Amino acid sequence: MPKQEFFVDMTCEGCSGAVVRVLNKLGGVQYDIDLPNKKVVIESEHSVDTLLTTLKKTGKDAQYLGTK
């Protein structure tokens, strides 16, 4: 499965917790959250658009950075 890297404007554990919640609801994803660098790497068969839309549901600024 491809690994996609995203920037998410997370400033605290609560922010990263919101990311965890929306990704778990989406299902079929494995992810690694790098809070200090505000990055989320997601391994999934979902499209980049679906993943980005899901991350934006946290209310945080989210941007696609590319394939890892």
N, C-alpha and C. Protein backbone atom coordinates (compact mmCIF):
# COMPACT_ATOMS: atom_id res chain seq x y z
N MET A 1 0.84 -1.19 0.00
CA MET A 1 0.00 0.00 0.00
C MET A 1 0.87 1.24 0.00
N PRO A 2 0.46 2.26 -0.73
CA PRO A 2 1.26 3.50 -0.77
C PRO A 2 1.18 4.26 0.54
N LYS A 3 2.27 4.94 0.85
CA LYS A 3 2.30 5.80 2.05
C LYS A 3 2.22 7.24 1.58
N GLN A 4 1.25 7.97 2.11
CA GLN A 4 1.05 9.37 1.74
C GLN A 4 1.36 10.24 2.95
N GLU A 5 2.06 11.34 2.71
CA GLU A 5 2.45 12.24 3.80
C GLU A 5 1.62 13.52 3.74
N PHE A 6 1.12 13.94 4.91
CA PHE A 6 0.30 15.14 5.00
C PHE A 6 0.82 16.05 6.10
N PHE A 7 0.68 17.36 5.89
CA PHE A 7 0.89 18.34 6.93
C PHE A 7 -0.46 18.58 7.59
N VAL A 8 -0.52 18.52 8.92
CA VAL A 8 -1.73 18.86 9.66
C VAL A 8 -1.31 19.79 10.79
N ASP A 9 -1.94 20.94 10.88
CA ASP A 9 -1.56 21.97 11.85
C ASP A 9 -1.97 21.57 13.27
N MET A 10 -1.24 20.61 13.84
CA MET A 10 -1.50 20.09 15.19
C MET A 10 -0.58 20.79 16.17
N THR A 11 -1.15 21.24 17.29
CA THR A 11 -0.34 21.94 18.29
C THR A 11 -0.28 21.22 19.63
N CYS A 12 -1.13 20.18 19.80
CA CYS A 12 -1.18 19.51 21.10
C CYS A 12 -1.69 18.08 20.94
N GLU A 13 -1.71 17.35 22.06
CA GLU A 13 -2.22 15.97 22.05
C GLU A 13 -3.68 15.91 21.64
N GLY A 14 -4.43 16.93 22.00
CA GLY A 14 -5.85 16.98 21.61
C GLY A 14 -6.00 17.02 20.10
N CYS A 15 -5.13 17.77 19.45
CA CYS A 15 -5.15 17.86 17.98
C CYS A 15 -4.84 16.50 17.36
N SER A 16 -3.79 15.86 17.85
CA SER A 16 -3.42 14.56 17.29
C SER A 16 -4.51 13.53 17.61
N GLY A 17 -5.18 13.68 18.75
CA GLY A 17 -6.29 12.79 19.10
C GLY A 17 -7.44 12.93 18.12
N ALA A 18 -7.69 14.15 17.66
CA ALA A 18 -8.74 14.38 16.66
C ALA A 18 -8.39 13.68 15.35
N VAL A 19 -7.10 13.71 14.98
CA VAL A 19 -6.64 13.02 13.76
C VAL A 19 -6.86 11.52 13.91
N VAL A 20 -6.50 10.98 15.06
CA VAL A 20 -6.69 9.55 15.33
C VAL A 20 -8.18 9.17 15.19
N ARG A 21 -9.05 9.98 15.77
CA ARG A 21 -10.49 9.68 15.72
C ARG A 21 -11.02 9.64 14.28
N VAL A 22 -10.70 10.66 13.47
CA VAL A 22 -11.25 10.68 12.10
C VAL A 22 -10.66 9.57 11.24
N LEU A 23 -9.38 9.24 11.45
CA LEU A 23 -8.77 8.17 10.65
C LEU A 23 -9.33 6.81 11.06
N ASN A 24 -9.57 6.61 12.35
CA ASN A 24 -10.15 5.33 12.80
C ASN A 24 -11.58 5.16 12.27
N LYS A 25 -12.32 6.25 12.17
CA LYS A 25 -13.68 6.18 11.61
C LYS A 25 -13.64 5.81 10.13
N LEU A 26 -12.62 6.32 9.43
CA LEU A 26 -12.48 6.02 8.00
C LEU A 26 -12.22 4.53 7.79
N GLY A 27 -11.36 3.97 8.62
CA GLY A 27 -11.04 2.55 8.54
C GLY A 27 -10.09 2.21 7.40
N GLY A 28 -9.45 1.06 7.53
CA GLY A 28 -8.55 0.57 6.48
C GLY A 28 -7.29 1.39 6.32
N VAL A 29 -6.87 2.05 7.41
CA VAL A 29 -5.67 2.88 7.34
C VAL A 29 -4.69 2.51 8.45
N GLN A 30 -3.43 2.65 8.14
CA GLN A 30 -2.37 2.59 9.15
C GLN A 30 -1.70 3.95 9.07
N TYR A 31 -1.37 4.50 10.23
CA TYR A 31 -0.83 5.86 10.21
C TYR A 31 0.22 6.05 11.30
N ASP A 32 1.03 7.07 11.07
CA ASP A 32 2.05 7.46 12.04
C ASP A 32 1.94 8.98 12.18
N ILE A 33 1.75 9.45 13.42
CA ILE A 33 1.60 10.88 13.66
C ILE A 33 2.89 11.43 14.27
N ASP A 34 3.44 12.46 13.62
CA ASP A 34 4.64 13.14 14.10
C ASP A 34 4.20 14.53 14.57
N LEU A 35 3.80 14.61 15.83
CA LEU A 35 3.26 15.86 16.38
C LEU A 35 4.25 17.02 16.33
N PRO A 36 5.52 16.85 16.74
CA PRO A 36 6.46 17.99 16.71
C PRO A 36 6.63 18.60 15.32
N ASN A 37 6.60 17.76 14.29
CA ASN A 37 6.78 18.24 12.92
C ASN A 37 5.47 18.45 12.18
N LYS A 38 4.35 18.21 12.88
CA LYS A 38 3.00 18.41 12.32
C LYS A 38 2.79 17.61 11.04
N LYS A 39 3.22 16.36 11.06
CA LYS A 39 3.07 15.51 9.88
C LYS A 39 2.33 14.22 10.24
N VAL A 40 1.57 13.73 9.27
CA VAL A 40 0.88 12.45 9.41
C VAL A 40 1.20 11.63 8.16
N VAL A 41 1.73 10.43 8.36
CA VAL A 41 1.99 9.51 7.24
C VAL A 41 0.93 8.42 7.31
N ILE A 42 0.20 8.26 6.21
CA ILE A 42 -0.91 7.32 6.17
C ILE A 42 -0.66 6.26 5.10
N GLU A 43 -0.81 5.01 5.49
CA GLU A 43 -0.72 3.89 4.56
C GLU A 43 -2.13 3.37 4.35
N SER A 44 -2.63 3.50 3.11
CA SER A 44 -4.03 3.20 2.86
C SER A 44 -4.29 3.01 1.37
N GLU A 45 -5.37 2.31 1.06
CA GLU A 45 -5.82 2.18 -0.33
C GLU A 45 -6.76 3.32 -0.71
N HIS A 46 -7.15 4.15 0.28
CA HIS A 46 -8.03 5.29 -0.01
C HIS A 46 -7.29 6.30 -0.87
N SER A 47 -8.04 7.09 -1.64
CA SER A 47 -7.42 8.11 -2.49
C SER A 47 -6.89 9.25 -1.63
N VAL A 48 -5.96 10.01 -2.20
CA VAL A 48 -5.39 11.17 -1.50
C VAL A 48 -6.51 12.16 -1.17
N ASP A 49 -7.45 12.36 -2.10
CA ASP A 49 -8.56 13.29 -1.86
C ASP A 49 -9.39 12.86 -0.67
N THR A 50 -9.68 11.56 -0.56
CA THR A 50 -10.46 11.04 0.56
C THR A 50 -9.72 11.26 1.87
N LEU A 51 -8.42 10.97 1.88
CA LEU A 51 -7.62 11.15 3.09
C LEU A 51 -7.54 12.61 3.50
N LEU A 52 -7.34 13.50 2.52
CA LEU A 52 -7.24 14.93 2.82
C LEU A 52 -8.57 15.47 3.35
N THR A 53 -9.66 15.07 2.74
CA THR A 53 -11.00 15.48 3.20
C THR A 53 -11.23 15.00 4.63
N THR A 54 -10.82 13.77 4.90
CA THR A 54 -10.98 13.19 6.25
C THR A 54 -10.16 13.98 7.26
N LEU A 55 -8.91 14.32 6.93
CA LEU A 55 -8.06 15.08 7.85
C LEU A 55 -8.62 16.47 8.10
N LYS A 56 -9.24 17.07 7.10
CA LYS A 56 -9.81 18.42 7.26
C LYS A 56 -11.03 18.41 8.17
N LYS A 57 -11.62 17.25 8.38
CA LYS A 57 -12.76 17.15 9.30
C LYS A 57 -12.36 17.46 10.74
N THR A 58 -11.06 17.47 11.02
CA THR A 58 -10.59 17.83 12.37
C THR A 58 -10.73 19.33 12.61
N GLY A 59 -10.93 20.10 11.55
CA GLY A 59 -10.98 21.55 11.68
C GLY A 59 -9.61 22.20 11.60
N LYS A 60 -8.59 21.39 11.39
CA LYS A 60 -7.22 21.88 11.28
C LYS A 60 -6.84 22.05 9.82
N ASP A 61 -5.89 22.95 9.57
CA ASP A 61 -5.35 23.10 8.22
C ASP A 61 -4.61 21.81 7.86
N ALA A 62 -4.93 21.24 6.70
CA ALA A 62 -4.28 20.01 6.26
C ALA A 62 -3.87 20.16 4.80
N GLN A 63 -2.66 19.68 4.49
CA GLN A 63 -2.15 19.76 3.13
C GLN A 63 -1.44 18.47 2.76
N TYR A 64 -1.59 18.09 1.50
CA TYR A 64 -0.91 16.89 1.00
C TYR A 64 0.53 17.25 0.67
N LEU A 65 1.48 16.48 1.18
CA LEU A 65 2.90 16.75 0.93
C LEU A 65 3.50 15.83 -0.13
N GLY A 66 2.92 14.65 -0.31
CA GLY A 66 3.44 13.74 -1.33
C GLY A 66 3.56 12.31 -0.83
N THR A 67 4.09 11.47 -1.71
CA THR A 67 4.30 10.07 -1.37
C THR A 67 5.56 9.93 -0.55
N LYS A 68 5.51 9.11 0.46
CA LYS A 68 6.67 8.93 1.36
C LYS A 68 7.51 7.80 0.84
